[in-house]
Protein backbone atom coordinates (compact mmCIF):
# COMPACT_ATOMS: atom_id res chain seq x y z
CA MET A 1 44.44 16.37 52.61
CA LYS A 2 42.52 18.20 55.66
CA LYS A 3 39.39 16.64 54.00
CA VAL A 4 41.06 12.96 53.89
CA ILE A 5 42.10 13.24 57.59
CA ILE A 6 38.75 14.47 58.91
CA LEU A 7 36.98 11.70 57.01
CA SER A 8 39.36 9.05 58.82
CA ILE A 9 38.62 10.61 62.15
CA LEU A 10 34.74 10.32 61.67
CA VAL A 11 35.03 6.85 60.12
CA ALA A 12 37.08 5.87 63.11
CA PHE A 13 34.19 7.17 65.37
CA SER A 14 31.91 5.37 63.37
CA SER A 15 33.76 2.20 63.74
CA LEU A 16 33.65 2.50 67.55
CA GLN A 17 29.77 2.81 67.51
CA ILE A 18 29.68 -0.82 65.69
CA LYS A 19 32.38 -2.31 67.16
CA ALA A 20 30.88 -4.54 69.32
CA GLN A 21 29.09 -6.09 66.38
CA GLN A 22 32.03 -7.20 64.50
CA VAL A 23 30.38 -5.95 60.97
CA ARG A 24 33.08 -6.01 58.33
CA GLU A 25 32.88 -2.93 56.21
CA SER A 26 32.44 -4.74 52.99
CA ASP A 27 29.52 -6.71 53.77
CA TRP A 28 25.70 -6.16 54.68
CA PRO A 29 25.23 -9.30 56.87
CA ASN A 30 21.54 -8.29 58.43
CA TYR A 31 18.21 -6.94 57.31
CA ASN A 32 19.54 -3.31 58.63
CA ARG A 33 23.08 -4.10 58.46
CA THR A 34 24.35 -4.17 62.00
CA LEU A 35 22.34 -5.61 64.82
CA ALA A 36 21.91 -2.30 66.17
CA GLY A 37 19.65 -1.54 63.06
CA ASP A 38 21.40 1.96 62.23
CA ARG A 39 21.57 0.77 58.47
CA PHE A 40 24.84 2.66 58.57
CA SER A 41 27.49 2.01 55.84
CA PRO A 42 31.30 3.04 56.33
CA LEU A 43 32.02 2.51 52.62
CA THR A 44 33.12 5.68 50.84
CA GLN A 45 33.98 5.13 47.30
CA PHE A 46 30.71 6.53 46.34
CA THR A 47 31.29 10.27 47.06
CA LYS A 48 29.11 13.66 46.56
CA GLU A 49 31.20 14.05 43.43
CA ASN A 50 31.05 10.74 41.57
CA VAL A 51 27.68 9.45 42.81
CA SER A 52 25.82 10.90 39.75
CA LYS A 53 28.13 8.50 37.56
CA LEU A 54 26.24 5.57 38.82
CA LYS A 55 25.37 3.03 36.53
CA LEU A 56 23.12 -0.16 36.25
CA VAL A 57 25.89 -2.89 35.67
CA ALA A 58 23.36 -6.13 36.61
CA THR A 59 20.12 -7.11 37.13
CA PHE A 60 18.55 -10.44 38.28
CA ASP A 61 14.84 -11.31 37.30
CA LEU A 62 12.93 -13.33 39.74
CA ALA A 63 10.75 -14.62 36.26
CA SER A 64 7.78 -16.45 37.51
CA ASP A 65 8.36 -15.55 41.42
CA ILE A 66 6.32 -12.50 41.62
CA ASN A 67 5.65 -11.62 45.14
CA SER A 68 5.46 -8.85 47.67
CA PHE A 69 9.42 -8.43 47.37
CA GLN A 70 9.93 -6.83 50.54
CA THR A 71 12.81 -8.50 51.40
CA GLY A 72 16.16 -6.85 52.98
CA PRO A 73 19.03 -8.39 51.01
CA VAL A 74 22.20 -9.42 52.81
CA VAL A 75 25.57 -9.70 51.48
CA LEU A 76 28.81 -11.88 52.74
CA ASP A 77 32.18 -12.44 50.73
CA GLY A 78 30.30 -11.50 47.71
CA LYS A 79 27.31 -13.55 47.48
CA MET A 80 23.86 -11.80 48.15
CA TYR A 81 21.06 -13.86 49.56
CA PHE A 82 17.27 -12.81 50.00
CA THR A 83 13.77 -14.23 49.95
CA SER A 84 10.34 -14.40 48.40
CA ASP A 85 7.41 -16.04 50.12
CA THR A 86 8.55 -19.59 48.96
CA VAL A 87 11.98 -19.17 47.62
CA THR A 88 15.55 -18.08 48.84
CA TYR A 89 18.04 -17.00 46.33
CA ALA A 90 21.79 -16.65 46.27
CA ILE A 91 23.29 -14.38 43.56
CA ASN A 92 26.71 -13.16 42.43
CA ALA A 93 26.37 -9.77 44.06
CA ALA A 94 28.55 -7.77 41.65
CA THR A 95 26.89 -9.79 38.38
CA GLY A 96 23.65 -10.81 39.17
CA LYS A 97 24.37 -14.34 38.53
CA LEU A 98 22.16 -16.98 40.02
CA LEU A 99 24.49 -19.37 42.45
CA TRP A 100 21.28 -21.33 43.54
CA LYS A 101 17.82 -21.14 44.91
CA LYS A 102 15.83 -23.24 46.86
CA VAL A 103 12.07 -23.78 46.87
CA ARG A 104 10.05 -24.33 49.62
CA SER A 105 6.17 -24.40 49.19
CA ASN A 106 4.19 -23.49 52.29
CA THR A 107 1.30 -25.83 53.63
CA LYS A 108 -0.96 -22.15 53.41
CA THR A 109 0.42 -18.98 52.64
CA ARG A 110 -0.53 -16.35 55.54
CA GLY A 111 1.17 -13.11 56.62
CA TYR A 112 -0.07 -11.35 53.55
CA GLY A 113 2.77 -13.40 51.43
CA ALA A 114 5.58 -11.48 52.30
CA ASN A 115 8.79 -12.72 53.63
CA ARG A 116 11.34 -10.00 54.67
CA GLY A 117 14.56 -11.80 54.59
CA VAL A 118 17.29 -13.98 56.18
CA ALA A 119 19.85 -13.90 59.28
CA TYR A 120 23.41 -15.49 58.52
CA LEU A 121 25.84 -17.00 61.11
CA ASP A 122 28.71 -19.57 60.22
CA GLY A 123 27.92 -20.67 56.87
CA LYS A 124 23.97 -21.00 57.65
CA LEU A 125 21.23 -19.00 56.54
CA PHE A 126 17.90 -18.50 58.75
CA ARG A 127 14.46 -17.58 57.62
CA GLY A 128 10.71 -18.25 58.34
CA SER A 129 7.98 -18.91 56.39
CA SER A 130 4.32 -18.24 55.95
CA ASP A 131 3.22 -21.36 57.71
CA ALA A 132 5.01 -20.38 60.65
CA HIS A 133 7.96 -22.66 60.29
CA PHE A 134 11.58 -21.90 60.79
CA PHE A 135 14.39 -23.13 59.20
CA ALA A 136 18.28 -23.38 58.56
CA MET A 137 19.99 -23.70 55.36
CA ASP A 138 23.34 -24.31 54.09
CA ALA A 139 24.76 -20.92 52.34
CA LYS A 140 26.68 -23.03 49.82
CA ASP A 141 23.83 -24.62 48.44
CA GLY A 142 20.28 -23.89 50.16
CA LYS A 143 19.82 -27.52 51.60
CA ILE A 144 17.59 -27.09 54.82
CA LEU A 145 19.68 -28.64 57.99
CA TRP A 146 16.90 -28.27 60.13
CA GLU A 147 13.53 -27.02 60.34
CA THR A 148 11.19 -26.64 63.59
CA ASP A 149 7.37 -25.51 63.52
CA LEU A 150 6.73 -22.52 65.83
CA GLY A 151 2.98 -22.21 65.21
CA SER A 152 1.67 -23.93 62.25
CA GLY A 153 -1.14 -25.45 64.56
CA THR A 154 -2.47 -21.85 65.15
CA PRO A 155 -4.77 -20.70 61.94
CA GLY A 156 -3.32 -17.62 60.97
CA ALA A 157 0.01 -17.58 62.33
CA ALA A 158 2.96 -16.72 60.23
CA ILE A 159 6.86 -15.52 60.33
CA PRO A 160 7.73 -12.89 57.75
CA MET A 161 10.10 -10.88 59.76
CA ALA A 162 13.90 -11.23 58.91
CA PRO A 163 15.37 -12.80 62.08
CA LEU A 164 18.61 -11.69 63.88
CA VAL A 165 21.37 -14.03 64.96
CA TRP A 166 23.62 -13.16 67.95
CA ASN A 167 25.75 -15.45 70.49
CA ASN A 168 24.33 -18.52 68.68
CA LEU A 169 20.86 -17.82 69.49
CA ILE A 170 18.40 -16.92 66.59
CA PHE A 171 15.73 -13.86 67.58
CA VAL A 172 12.41 -14.27 65.30
CA GLY A 173 8.67 -13.22 66.10
CA ILE A 174 5.38 -14.91 65.08
CA ALA A 175 3.04 -12.49 63.23
CA GLY A 176 -0.76 -12.53 62.31
CA GLY A 177 -1.78 -10.08 64.98
CA ASP A 178 -4.67 -9.16 62.38
CA GLN A 179 -5.98 -12.93 62.29
CA VAL A 180 -8.47 -14.13 64.50
CA GLY A 181 -6.83 -15.65 67.84
CA VAL A 182 -3.37 -15.07 66.84
CA VAL A 183 -0.86 -13.21 69.41
CA GLY A 184 2.50 -12.57 68.92
CA TYR A 185 5.47 -14.61 70.52
CA VAL A 186 9.32 -13.90 70.62
CA TYR A 187 11.22 -16.76 70.16
CA ALA A 188 15.13 -17.34 71.06
CA LEU A 189 16.55 -20.92 69.39
CA ASP A 190 19.49 -22.39 69.28
CA ALA A 191 21.30 -21.56 65.83
CA LYS A 192 23.00 -25.23 65.87
CA THR A 193 19.62 -27.42 66.48
CA GLY A 194 16.54 -24.73 66.08
CA LYS A 195 15.63 -25.74 69.65
CA THR A 196 13.68 -23.37 71.62
CA VAL A 197 15.39 -21.31 74.30
CA TRP A 198 12.93 -19.14 75.40
CA THR A 199 9.70 -17.52 74.68
CA PHE A 200 8.10 -14.18 75.57
CA CYS A 201 4.43 -13.74 74.72
CA SER A 202 2.87 -10.21 73.71
CA VAL A 203 -0.03 -11.26 75.99
CA PRO A 204 1.66 -12.45 79.17
CA ASP A 205 -1.57 -13.94 80.77
CA TYR A 206 -3.19 -15.00 77.36
CA LYS A 207 -3.23 -18.52 78.73
CA GLU A 208 -5.04 -17.87 81.50
CA ASN A 209 -7.05 -15.06 80.03
CA PRO A 210 -7.63 -15.62 76.29
CA LYS A 211 -10.82 -13.54 76.09
CA THR A 212 -11.05 -9.76 75.71
CA SER A 213 -13.08 -7.38 78.41
CA THR A 214 -15.77 -8.03 75.90
CA GLY A 215 -15.74 -11.55 75.83
CA LEU A 216 -13.68 -12.14 72.26
CA PRO A 217 -10.82 -13.87 71.32
CA VAL A 218 -7.40 -11.93 72.29
CA THR A 219 -5.96 -11.16 69.08
CA GLY A 220 -2.94 -9.04 68.26
CA GLY A 221 0.70 -8.07 69.26
CA GLY A 222 2.68 -9.46 66.34
CA TYR A 223 5.84 -9.33 65.16
CA TRP A 224 6.26 -8.42 61.42
CA THR A 225 9.52 -7.08 60.12
CA SER A 226 12.83 -7.45 62.53
CA PHE A 227 14.17 -6.61 65.66
CA GLY A 228 17.11 -4.23 67.39
CA LEU A 229 19.74 -5.46 69.52
CA ASP A 230 22.12 -3.73 71.94
CA THR A 231 25.17 -6.14 72.00
CA GLU A 232 26.80 -4.14 74.81
CA LYS A 233 24.05 -4.86 77.37
CA GLY A 234 22.69 -7.99 75.70
CA VAL A 235 19.23 -6.49 75.22
CA LEU A 236 16.90 -7.26 72.45
CA TYR A 237 14.56 -4.46 71.32
CA VAL A 238 11.19 -5.64 69.84
CA PRO A 239 8.43 -3.77 68.26
CA SER A 240 4.66 -5.48 68.92
CA GLY A 241 1.76 -5.01 66.63
CA ASN A 242 -1.74 -3.79 66.91
CA PRO A 243 -4.61 -5.76 68.47
CA ALA A 244 -7.56 -6.82 66.46
CA PRO A 245 -10.14 -6.15 65.37
CA ASP A 246 -8.56 -3.34 63.84
CA MET A 247 -9.64 0.29 64.58
CA ASP A 248 -13.06 -1.09 66.49
CA ILE A 249 -11.93 -0.18 70.11
CA GLU A 250 -15.59 -0.77 71.52
CA ILE A 251 -15.79 -3.99 70.07
CA ARG A 252 -12.16 -4.83 71.14
CA GLY A 253 -12.31 -3.66 74.60
CA GLU A 254 -9.55 -2.40 76.74
CA ASP A 255 -5.98 -2.80 76.10
CA ARG A 256 -3.93 -5.60 76.93
CA LYS A 257 0.03 -5.62 77.58
CA PHE A 258 1.65 -5.53 75.20
CA PHE A 259 -0.24 -3.99 71.96
CA ASN A 260 1.82 -1.25 70.35
CA TYR A 261 4.82 -1.25 72.68
CA LEU A 262 8.44 -1.26 72.26
CA ILE A 263 9.75 -4.16 74.51
CA ALA A 264 13.00 -4.80 75.75
CA LEU A 265 14.18 -8.33 76.49
CA ASP A 266 17.30 -9.78 78.04
CA THR A 267 18.71 -12.01 75.12
CA LYS A 268 19.92 -14.74 77.53
CA THR A 269 16.70 -15.31 79.25
CA GLY A 270 13.92 -13.54 77.72
CA LYS A 271 13.58 -11.46 81.03
CA LEU A 272 11.44 -8.09 80.43
CA LEU A 273 13.50 -5.28 81.11
CA GLY A 274 11.52 -2.44 80.08
CA TYR A 275 8.72 -1.40 77.87
CA LYS A 276 6.67 1.80 76.72
CA GLN A 277 3.44 1.71 74.48
CA LEU A 278 4.05 4.08 71.75
CA VAL A 279 0.14 3.63 70.21
CA ARG A 280 -2.66 3.77 72.79
CA ASN A 281 -5.97 2.68 72.26
CA ASP A 282 -5.52 2.23 68.45
CA ILE A 283 -8.27 3.20 66.55
CA HIS A 284 -6.19 3.61 63.03
CA ASP A 285 -4.40 0.21 62.64
CA TRP A 286 -0.81 2.04 63.59
CA ASP A 287 0.91 -1.06 64.65
CA VAL A 288 4.32 -0.52 66.30
CA SER A 289 5.85 -2.56 63.35
CA ALA A 290 9.15 -1.30 61.93
CA PRO A 291 12.76 -2.38 63.39
CA PRO A 292 14.04 0.03 66.32
CA VAL A 293 17.45 1.43 66.14
CA ILE A 294 19.62 1.30 69.24
CA ILE A 295 21.93 4.43 68.93
CA ASN A 296 24.86 6.11 71.38
CA THR A 297 24.53 9.48 70.25
CA LYS A 298 27.33 12.01 69.67
CA GLU A 299 26.82 13.41 73.22
CA GLY A 300 26.86 9.78 74.59
CA ARG A 301 23.21 9.64 75.40
CA LYS A 302 21.90 5.89 74.91
CA ILE A 303 18.75 6.50 72.82
CA VAL A 304 16.31 3.88 71.09
CA ALA A 305 14.29 5.11 68.16
CA SER A 306 11.20 3.80 66.63
CA ALA A 307 9.26 5.07 63.56
CA ASN A 308 5.98 4.06 63.69
CA LYS A 309 2.90 3.68 61.59
CA ASN A 310 1.23 6.83 63.33
CA GLY A 311 3.88 8.80 61.56
CA LEU A 312 5.80 9.66 64.78
CA LEU A 313 9.40 9.21 65.30
CA SER A 314 9.66 8.23 69.24
CA VAL A 315 12.93 8.37 70.66
CA LEU A 316 13.60 6.96 74.07
CA ASP A 317 15.99 6.71 77.03
CA ARG A 318 17.46 2.89 77.32
CA SER A 319 20.50 4.16 79.62
CA ALA A 320 18.40 2.27 82.50
CA VAL A 321 17.62 -0.81 80.62
CA ASP A 322 20.15 -3.45 82.08
CA ALA A 323 19.76 -7.22 82.86
CA ALA A 324 21.39 -6.83 85.88
CA SER A 325 19.45 -4.13 87.25
CA ALA A 326 16.20 -5.02 89.59
CA ALA A 327 14.24 -1.73 88.27
CA ASP A 328 11.23 -1.93 87.48
CA PRO A 329 10.56 -2.43 83.65
CA ALA A 330 7.68 -0.11 83.39
CA GLY A 331 10.24 2.77 84.00
CA THR A 332 13.19 1.94 82.37
CA LEU A 333 12.30 3.19 78.91
CA PRO A 334 11.38 6.87 79.29
CA LEU A 335 10.10 8.70 76.34
CA ILE A 336 12.68 11.63 75.46
CA TYR A 337 10.67 13.12 72.45
CA GLU A 338 8.21 12.41 69.49
CA VAL A 339 8.38 14.39 66.22
CA PRO A 340 5.87 13.85 63.03
CA THR A 341 7.59 12.01 60.20
CA THR A 342 4.68 12.61 57.62
CA THR A 343 1.43 14.41 57.35
CA ARG A 344 -1.00 14.17 60.20
CA ILE A 345 -4.66 14.48 60.01
CA ASN A 346 -7.73 13.76 62.32
CA THR A 347 -5.23 11.68 64.33
CA ASP A 348 -7.52 12.01 67.68
CA VAL A 349 -10.80 11.79 66.06
CA SER A 350 -13.23 8.81 66.93
CA LEU A 351 -14.26 6.83 64.09
CA SER A 352 -17.99 6.78 63.63
CA ARG A 353 -20.67 3.94 62.70
CA GLU A 354 -22.75 6.52 61.02
CA VAL A 355 -20.88 8.37 58.59
CA LEU A 356 -17.00 8.59 57.16
CA THR A 357 -14.35 9.64 59.11
CA TYR A 358 -11.17 10.90 57.55
CA PHE A 359 -7.58 10.41 58.91
CA LYS A 360 -4.24 10.69 57.68
CA PRO A 361 -1.56 8.54 57.66
CA GLY A 362 -3.87 5.72 56.75
CA TYR A 363 -3.59 2.23 58.20
CA LEU A 364 -0.93 1.79 55.73
CA GLY A 365 1.27 4.09 57.64
CA GLY A 366 3.56 6.38 58.48
CA SER A 367 6.61 4.00 58.57
CA GLU A 368 5.95 0.51 57.62
CA TRP A 369 8.33 -2.61 57.61
CA ASN A 370 11.64 -0.35 57.38
CA GLY A 371 12.48 1.66 60.29
CA PRO A 372 14.77 4.87 61.06
CA ALA A 373 18.38 4.63 60.09
CA TYR A 374 21.35 6.46 62.03
CA ASN A 375 24.61 8.04 60.66
CA PRO A 376 26.67 8.60 63.66
CA LEU A 377 29.12 11.07 61.65
CA LEU A 378 26.29 13.77 61.45
CA ASP A 379 24.13 12.73 64.49
CA VAL A 380 21.43 12.53 62.65
CA ILE A 381 18.22 9.93 62.17
CA TYR A 382 16.56 9.66 59.08
CA THR A 383 12.92 8.18 58.51
CA GLY A 384 10.93 7.37 55.08
CA THR A 385 7.26 7.48 55.29
CA THR A 386 3.91 7.08 53.71
CA ASP A 387 1.74 10.29 52.89
CA TRP A 388 -1.54 8.96 52.36
CA GLY A 389 -5.09 9.01 53.59
CA LEU A 390 -8.32 7.43 53.93
CA LYS A 391 -11.86 7.50 55.35
CA VAL A 392 -13.58 4.76 57.36
CA LYS A 393 -16.51 4.00 58.81
CA LEU A 394 -17.15 1.38 61.25
CA PRO A 395 -20.31 -1.36 61.09
CA PRO A 396 -23.31 -1.28 63.22
CA TYR A 397 -22.52 -2.46 66.79
CA GLU A 398 -24.45 -5.68 66.79
CA LYS A 399 -23.40 -6.61 62.86
CA ALA A 400 -19.50 -6.02 64.57
CA ILE A 401 -20.41 -8.34 67.92
CA THR A 402 -21.93 -11.20 66.44
CA ASN A 403 -19.95 -11.52 63.02
CA ILE A 404 -16.70 -12.74 64.37
CA PRO A 405 -14.44 -14.63 61.45
CA ALA A 406 -13.28 -17.95 61.99
CA PRO A 407 -10.12 -18.71 63.66
CA GLY A 408 -7.03 -17.23 61.57
CA ALA A 409 -9.25 -15.28 59.68
CA THR A 410 -8.38 -11.61 58.97
CA TRP A 411 -10.16 -9.77 61.57
CA PHE A 412 -10.60 -6.02 59.89
CA GLY A 413 -13.08 -3.80 62.05
CA PRO A 414 -14.33 -1.18 59.25
CA ASP A 415 -17.30 -1.97 57.25
CA SER A 416 -16.38 1.05 54.55
CA ILE A 417 -13.04 2.41 53.46
CA VAL A 418 -12.53 4.96 50.80
CA TRP A 419 -8.61 5.62 50.00
CA ASP A 420 -7.59 8.82 48.60
CA ASP A 421 -6.80 8.39 44.89
CA ALA A 422 -3.83 6.13 44.20
CA SER A 423 -2.57 9.40 42.40
CA GLU A 424 -2.17 11.02 45.47
CA ALA A 425 -0.34 8.65 47.47
CA LYS A 426 3.14 10.59 48.27
CA GLY A 427 6.08 9.97 50.90
CA TRP A 428 8.32 12.00 53.09
CA LEU A 429 12.16 11.58 53.52
CA LYS A 430 13.13 13.34 56.88
CA ALA A 431 16.33 14.02 58.74
CA PHE A 432 16.17 14.69 62.61
CA ASN A 433 19.03 16.06 64.79
CA ALA A 434 19.28 12.99 67.23
CA LYS A 435 19.99 15.14 69.99
CA ASP A 436 16.75 16.91 70.47
CA GLY A 437 14.22 15.72 67.14
CA SER A 438 14.35 19.31 65.42
CA LEU A 439 14.22 19.15 61.58
CA LYS A 440 17.36 19.25 59.71
CA TRP A 441 15.70 18.73 56.19
CA GLU A 442 12.73 17.04 54.56
CA TYR A 443 11.64 15.78 50.75
CA HIS A 444 8.35 15.24 49.62
CA SER A 445 8.70 12.36 47.39
CA PRO A 446 6.37 11.41 44.40
CA GLY A 447 5.64 8.50 45.76
CA PRO A 448 5.47 6.40 49.57
CA VAL A 449 9.12 5.83 50.61
CA LEU A 450 8.77 2.02 51.87
CA SER A 451 12.33 1.08 51.21
CA GLY A 452 15.27 0.89 53.40
CA VAL A 453 17.06 4.10 53.73
CA THR A 454 20.73 3.87 53.72
CA PRO A 455 23.42 6.68 55.01
CA THR A 456 27.10 6.37 54.12
CA ALA A 457 30.35 7.67 55.40
CA SER A 458 30.86 9.59 52.41
CA GLY A 459 27.84 11.70 53.22
CA LEU A 460 25.18 10.04 51.10
CA LEU A 461 21.71 8.88 51.57
CA PHE A 462 20.39 6.35 49.56
CA THR A 463 16.62 5.15 49.19
CA SER A 464 13.97 4.53 46.88
CA SER A 465 10.10 5.19 46.35
CA MET A 466 7.05 3.31 45.20
CA ASN A 467 7.05 5.54 42.01
CA GLY A 468 10.24 3.55 41.01
CA ASP A 469 12.72 6.49 41.92
CA ILE A 470 15.91 5.88 43.23
CA TYR A 471 17.77 8.49 45.04
CA ALA A 472 21.19 9.37 46.11
CA PHE A 473 20.79 12.55 48.44
CA ASP A 474 23.52 14.79 50.24
CA ALA A 475 22.73 13.52 53.70
CA GLU A 476 23.91 16.91 55.13
CA ASN A 477 21.37 19.04 53.26
CA GLY A 478 18.59 16.88 51.28
CA LYS A 479 20.12 17.71 47.76
CA ILE A 480 19.50 15.30 45.42
CA LEU A 481 22.62 14.12 43.72
CA TRP A 482 21.63 11.37 41.68
CA GLN A 483 18.20 9.70 40.51
CA THR A 484 17.11 7.06 38.39
CA ASN A 485 13.90 4.99 37.94
CA THR A 486 13.19 1.16 38.11
CA GLY A 487 9.83 1.35 36.17
CA LEU A 488 8.96 -1.06 38.90
CA ILE A 489 7.32 -0.43 42.52
CA ASN A 490 10.04 -0.26 44.96
CA GLY A 491 9.48 -1.50 48.38
CA GLY A 492 12.58 -3.47 49.94
CA GLY A 493 16.00 -3.35 50.67
CA VAL A 494 18.40 -0.43 49.42
CA ILE A 495 21.92 -1.43 50.34
CA THR A 496 25.69 -1.06 49.62
CA TYR A 497 28.49 -3.41 49.85
CA LEU A 498 31.80 -4.24 48.37
CA VAL A 499 32.70 -7.22 45.70
CA ASN A 500 36.69 -7.66 45.37
CA GLY A 501 37.01 -4.21 46.47
CA LYS A 502 34.51 -2.45 44.39
CA GLN A 503 31.47 -0.78 45.74
CA TYR A 504 28.26 -1.61 44.65
CA LEU A 505 24.33 -0.32 45.58
CA ALA A 506 21.50 -2.80 45.20
CA VAL A 507 17.98 -2.06 44.98
CA THR A 508 14.94 -4.25 45.09
CA GLY A 509 12.01 -3.30 42.85
CA GLY A 510 8.66 -4.83 41.87
CA MET A 511 5.95 -5.30 44.87
CA LYS A 512 2.94 -7.09 44.33
CA SER A 513 0.64 -6.31 46.97
CA ASP A 514 -3.33 -6.11 46.97
CA LEU A 515 -2.71 -3.97 50.12
CA TRP A 516 -0.79 -1.46 48.37
CA LYS A 517 -2.92 -1.66 44.90
CA SER A 518 0.30 -2.69 43.30
CA THR A 519 -0.22 -5.27 40.77
CA ALA A 520 3.79 -5.92 39.92
CA LYS A 521 4.31 -8.11 36.64
CA VAL A 522 8.00 -8.64 37.44
CA CYS A 523 10.17 -8.61 40.41
CA LYS A 524 13.88 -7.75 39.87
CA MET A 525 17.36 -6.97 41.77
CA PHE A 526 19.17 -3.89 40.37
CA ILE A 527 22.72 -3.32 41.00
CA PHE A 528 24.68 -0.48 40.16
CA ALA A 529 28.32 0.85 40.44
CA LEU A 530 30.68 3.48 39.06
CA ASN A 531 31.90 2.60 35.41
């Protein structure tokens, strides 16, 4: 009885953290479940005592739609919605039965062919496409209700990120910052019509000054994954990506605002409320790309946490960020602490045009499209990362300055790249005390941890790794309580939800990506439950 009472108190405390977001316990309605992005589930049917009895109860095979499958599924009223580059799916979240799918071919595939999912509001789904269009769909059958062009006129622009929707506004960003001439934009769209309410450009003076200090096209600051939203203050936190050409800072010139920043915007107007550059003078393609998580700690501190490709967890004080304040936005997001999330080697060593230079993490991170998670009951932040290094050599200066790709083409700085063998690609799962960043526990996984990390109110932590493993950890000490393997490369969402009062776990499996040297031959959604 004592244990039940304590758990009830803790769940009540958790409910206070997310009350303003009105998330039903049974659902997983956003990419990171809550708009704050904490990925915390209040469900308790899976426990430390019974989780070892989880069994595969259903799968859904995407058949010929073999894709990057980095989607973050959402679940509402027993229906699961997820995406590939060109297809949106709706399935029964308990049985895996297909309800409908909608194919929308792109005029041109960009953004590495990835799509990370949908947002939902009032019976409508919202998503972007690789040809930089954005559209609303009827959640009943996938019918497209409206569509708007946000950037197809800009070669290389794409929308791979999972949007957020709140107060009848959709928040979404343009990616493609590795493509010549593409800069990132954040859009707020009217959820009913798709009309633009406001925009924010990663390079605010881009129209007046579209050239770098070296005279080349300004490129970078894309938005690749998703955002975090403080519903209490109406503040949107967006992670902006790297400048291009990647790694070659001599060719690229001095940093511009806002490359590799965490940025705070007023949800109503797009007004700039705060910013902090988390990766300066980027020579490793270490963009700030993962969704940040908005946290009210147990001791009442208001923070925002960003897990970055540079292998650092950056935690900032957001207490001064306020739309009603006249404070200078340059000072409203001070850094509290940074701690390493993966192995870091030669992180400050300059790259060379004569010899190969080794660094770790490589340009694939660190943290990628899935950011940190937060357990409010334990006051712990969790990160999943890649532990994989490489050697790079830059091209001769004259070659680099004269061989500029065409607009929209990939602008990658290195002349030579030598990766560590794929067998050496490992990962880390780490737990940090939110108060001070001290390490609570860590697990060195046999594959990169690209998938979502999901804590629950019953003291569990779910995730999966690229080698196919799916894990349930004890969230307090990192002990593995359950483990299975999909036989596929896992790189997407890991979520839990209820259907007809019963708890399920869903895991995406099968990731086709040249960047990750993964040649998936099948993509599947795996669904687990207790017998």
